């Protein structure tokens, strides 16, 4: 009887000892990786001076030596060169949309009055080529203002009733080339019959926008 009790006591002690060894082994297995990591990496292997993270385990960038020293001293950390450059770079100004130029308004052409040196004289067919008069102005610089005019001087013989010897006697807000072009259109064009065998006359052609 005593022998049986003694055997049971020894078995119980052996079980307790085995359980203690198992717990110790488990604790050693759980703590050994941390110890190994610390022994292997006493510093940050990716960033020697520390890192900045986004709070979610993601690395934003590594700290520079100057930033790390400033953080230890409590001074403001220097701005990285790339970030400073990006802040100093001004956003390129967007070009303002260009407005399409307004198309030139068609010129309004008025032919006349006509003044004869003596007697009366009608315009005849001088009013017909208004489009050609306007074309002369458009091709040679246009108007310098909102209006302009050309005074064309010529002779009319009663037996022919045409403008001859045409020249420009006066011009306003038109180029010399435009005025000459207008005079060329008038040249040899039919006019009314004068009261005298030959008279001088002046025709005024006006242009407005």
Protein backbone atom coordinates (compact mmCIF):
# COMPACT_ATOMS: atom_id res chain seq x y z
CA UNK A 1 0.00 0.00 0.00
CA UNK A 2 2.77 2.36 0.87
CA UNK A 3 4.59 1.31 -2.27
CA UNK A 4 1.58 2.23 -4.45
CA UNK A 5 1.23 5.69 -2.89
CA UNK A 6 4.91 6.33 -3.38
CA UNK A 7 4.71 5.42 -7.07
CA UNK A 8 1.76 7.77 -7.59
CA UNK A 9 3.59 10.64 -5.91
CA UNK A 10 6.63 10.18 -8.11
CA UNK A 11 4.45 10.12 -11.25
CA UNK A 12 2.68 13.36 -10.23
CA UNK A 13 5.98 15.10 -9.62
CA UNK A 14 7.24 13.98 -13.01
CA UNK A 15 4.12 15.37 -14.77
CA UNK A 16 4.47 18.73 -13.05
CA UNK A 17 8.13 18.89 -14.06
CA UNK A 18 7.31 18.08 -17.68
CA UNK A 19 4.60 20.75 -17.76
CA UNK A 20 7.01 23.36 -16.39
CA UNK A 21 9.58 22.46 -19.03
CA UNK A 22 6.96 22.79 -21.81
CA UNK A 23 5.88 26.25 -20.61
CA UNK A 24 9.49 27.39 -20.42
CA UNK A 25 10.21 26.09 -23.90
CA UNK A 26 7.14 27.89 -25.30
CA UNK A 27 8.12 31.18 -23.68
CA UNK A 28 11.63 30.83 -25.01
CA UNK A 29 10.34 30.13 -28.53
CA UNK A 30 8.08 33.21 -28.48
CA UNK A 31 10.73 35.58 -27.19
CA UNK A 32 13.66 34.34 -29.24
CA UNK A 33 12.58 35.96 -32.60
CA UNK A 34 12.36 39.39 -31.01
CA UNK A 35 15.70 38.92 -29.38
CA UNK A 36 17.13 37.69 -32.67
CA UNK A 37 15.73 40.68 -34.61
CA UNK A 38 17.05 43.15 -32.09
CA UNK A 39 20.41 41.48 -32.08
CA UNK A 40 20.49 41.42 -35.87
CA UNK A 41 19.04 44.94 -36.54
CA UNK A 42 20.04 47.38 -33.79
CA UNK A 43 19.08 50.21 -36.24
CA UNK A 44 16.55 50.79 -39.04
CA UNK A 45 17.94 48.78 -41.98
CA UNK A 46 16.09 50.92 -44.59
CA UNK A 47 16.61 54.43 -43.15
CA UNK A 48 19.79 55.00 -41.14
CA UNK A 49 18.45 58.26 -39.58
CA UNK A 50 14.85 57.22 -39.10
CA UNK A 51 11.78 57.40 -41.25
CA UNK A 52 8.52 59.26 -41.75
CA UNK A 53 5.44 57.04 -42.08
CA UNK A 54 1.80 57.75 -42.83
CA UNK A 55 0.47 56.09 -39.68
CA UNK A 56 -0.70 53.04 -41.60
CA UNK A 57 2.58 51.20 -41.81
CA UNK A 58 3.61 52.74 -45.12
CA UNK A 59 7.00 54.42 -45.49
CA UNK A 60 6.74 57.97 -46.84
CA UNK A 61 10.43 58.82 -46.93
CA UNK A 62 13.65 58.50 -44.91
CA UNK A 63 14.92 61.28 -42.68
CA UNK A 64 18.17 63.01 -43.53
CA UNK A 65 20.92 63.46 -40.98
CA UNK A 66 20.13 67.18 -40.64
CA UNK A 67 16.46 66.42 -40.00
CA UNK A 68 17.25 63.78 -37.40
CA UNK A 69 19.64 66.13 -35.53
CA UNK A 70 17.06 68.94 -35.67
CA UNK A 71 14.36 66.68 -34.26
CA UNK A 72 16.61 65.63 -31.36
CA UNK A 73 17.43 69.28 -30.58
CA UNK A 74 13.79 70.30 -30.92
CA UNK A 75 14.55 72.73 -33.78
CA UNK A 76 12.39 72.95 -36.92
CA UNK A 77 13.43 70.26 -39.37
CA UNK A 78 15.00 71.57 -42.58
CA UNK A 79 12.91 71.26 -45.70
CA UNK A 80 14.30 68.67 -48.13
CA UNK A 81 15.79 70.16 -51.29
CA UNK A 82 13.25 68.50 -53.57
CA UNK A 83 10.30 69.69 -51.51
CA UNK A 84 11.75 73.22 -51.29
CA UNK A 85 12.27 73.29 -55.03
CA UNK A 86 8.71 72.16 -55.68
CA UNK A 87 7.34 74.82 -53.33
CA UNK A 88 9.40 77.56 -54.94
CA UNK A 89 8.37 76.55 -58.40
CA UNK A 90 5.52 78.77 -59.35
CA UNK A 91 2.64 77.31 -61.25
CA UNK A 92 3.02 78.37 -64.86
CA UNK A 93 0.50 81.00 -65.73
CA UNK A 94 -2.21 79.72 -67.97
CA UNK A 95 -2.35 81.69 -71.20
CA UNK A 96 -5.42 83.80 -71.46
CA UNK A 97 -7.77 82.65 -74.17
CA UNK A 98 -7.21 84.73 -77.21
CA UNK A 99 -10.21 86.45 -78.58
CA UNK A 100 -10.88 85.97 -82.21
CA UNK A 101 -10.45 89.25 -84.02
CA UNK A 102 -13.68 90.73 -85.15
CA UNK A 103 -14.09 90.46 -88.88
CA UNK A 104 -13.70 93.75 -90.72
CA UNK A 105 -17.00 95.36 -91.40
CA UNK A 106 -17.77 95.76 -95.09
CA UNK A 107 -17.03 99.22 -96.37
CA UNK A 108 -19.92 101.40 -97.37
CA UNK A 109 -19.08 103.28 -100.58
CA UNK A 110 -20.76 106.50 -101.64
CA UNK A 111 -19.98 107.87 -105.12
CA UNK A 112 -20.54 111.60 -105.54
CA UNK A 113 -21.08 114.41 -105.58
CA UNK A 114 -19.38 115.43 -108.81
CA UNK A 115 -18.40 119.05 -109.46
CA UNK A 116 -17.80 120.42 -112.98
CA UNK A 117 -15.61 123.46 -113.46
CA UNK A 118 -18.44 124.99 -115.48
CA UNK A 119 -21.98 124.00 -116.12
CA UNK A 120 -23.51 120.79 -114.81
CA UNK A 121 -22.34 117.22 -115.10
CA UNK A 122 -24.00 113.97 -114.03
CA UNK A 123 -22.17 110.98 -112.54
CA UNK A 124 -23.19 108.70 -115.40
CA UNK A 125 -21.82 105.16 -114.79
CA UNK A 126 -19.21 106.11 -112.20
CA UNK A 127 -21.36 104.72 -109.35
CA UNK A 128 -21.51 101.18 -110.77
CA UNK A 129 -18.16 99.64 -109.65
CA UNK A 130 -18.61 100.24 -105.90
CA UNK A 131 -17.25 96.81 -105.11
CA UNK A 132 -14.04 97.60 -106.99
CA UNK A 133 -13.62 100.89 -105.11
CA UNK A 134 -13.98 99.02 -101.81
CA UNK A 135 -11.55 96.35 -102.99
CA UNK A 136 -8.92 99.00 -103.70
CA UNK A 137 -9.11 100.22 -100.11
CA UNK A 138 -9.10 96.70 -98.63
CA UNK A 139 -6.07 95.58 -100.64
CA UNK A 140 -3.98 98.68 -99.91
CA UNK A 141 -4.10 99.15 -96.17
CA UNK A 142 -7.76 99.84 -95.49
CA UNK A 143 -9.08 102.90 -93.72
CA UNK A 144 -7.03 104.64 -91.05
CA UNK A 145 -10.22 105.65 -89.26
CA UNK A 146 -13.93 105.04 -89.49
CA UNK A 147 -14.20 107.04 -92.69
CA UNK A 148 -12.12 108.29 -95.59
CA UNK A 149 -12.46 109.76 -99.06
CA UNK A 150 -10.74 110.24 -102.39
CA UNK A 151 -11.08 113.27 -104.67
CA UNK A 152 -10.53 112.22 -108.27
CA UNK A 153 -9.80 114.84 -110.91
CA UNK A 154 -10.39 114.28 -114.67
CA UNK A 155 -11.43 115.86 -117.98
CA UNK A 156 -14.63 115.15 -119.90
CA UNK A 157 -15.07 115.84 -123.61
CA UNK A 158 -18.60 116.36 -124.86
CA UNK A 159 -18.19 114.05 -127.86
CA UNK A 160 -16.98 111.11 -125.72
CA UNK A 161 -18.51 111.62 -122.25
CA UNK A 162 -15.79 109.61 -120.50
CA UNK A 163 -13.39 110.41 -117.67
CA UNK A 164 -9.92 111.03 -119.11
CA UNK A 165 -6.57 112.04 -117.67
CA UNK A 166 -7.65 110.81 -114.22
CA UNK A 167 -5.52 111.71 -111.16
CA UNK A 168 -5.89 111.97 -107.38
CA UNK A 169 -6.25 115.54 -106.17
CA UNK A 170 -6.93 114.78 -102.50
CA UNK A 171 -7.21 111.82 -100.14
CA UNK A 172 -8.10 111.39 -96.48
CA UNK A 173 -7.47 108.36 -94.24
CA UNK A 174 -6.38 106.29 -97.23
CA UNK A 175 -2.98 105.21 -98.48
CA UNK A 176 -1.52 106.64 -101.67
CA UNK A 177 -1.77 103.22 -103.31
CA UNK A 178 -5.45 102.83 -102.40
CA UNK A 179 -6.30 106.29 -103.79
CA UNK A 180 -4.44 105.60 -107.05
CA UNK A 181 -6.25 102.26 -107.41
CA UNK A 182 -9.61 104.07 -107.08
CA UNK A 183 -8.55 106.59 -109.72
CA UNK A 184 -7.61 103.75 -112.10
CA UNK A 185 -11.12 102.32 -111.74
CA UNK A 186 -12.62 105.71 -112.63
CA UNK A 187 -10.36 106.14 -115.68
CA UNK A 188 -12.14 105.77 -119.07
CA UNK A 189 -15.48 105.16 -117.39
CA UNK A 190 -18.60 106.79 -118.85
CA UNK A 191 -19.74 110.12 -117.37
CA UNK A 192 -22.66 112.42 -118.19
CA UNK A 193 -22.40 114.79 -121.16
CA UNK A 194 -20.98 118.21 -120.16
CA UNK A 195 -22.53 121.55 -121.15
CA UNK A 196 -19.24 122.64 -122.81
CA UNK A 197 -17.08 120.82 -125.38
CA UNK A 198 -14.55 120.03 -122.62
CA UNK A 199 -14.71 120.57 -118.87
CA UNK A 200 -12.70 119.62 -115.86
CA UNK A 201 -14.49 117.80 -113.04
CA UNK A 202 -13.86 116.46 -109.55
CA UNK A 203 -15.54 113.32 -108.22
CA UNK A 204 -15.65 112.58 -104.50
CA UNK A 205 -15.83 108.90 -103.41
CA UNK A 206 -16.41 108.36 -99.69
CA UNK A 207 -15.83 105.24 -97.58
CA UNK A 208 -17.27 104.43 -94.15
CA UNK A 209 -17.17 101.34 -91.95
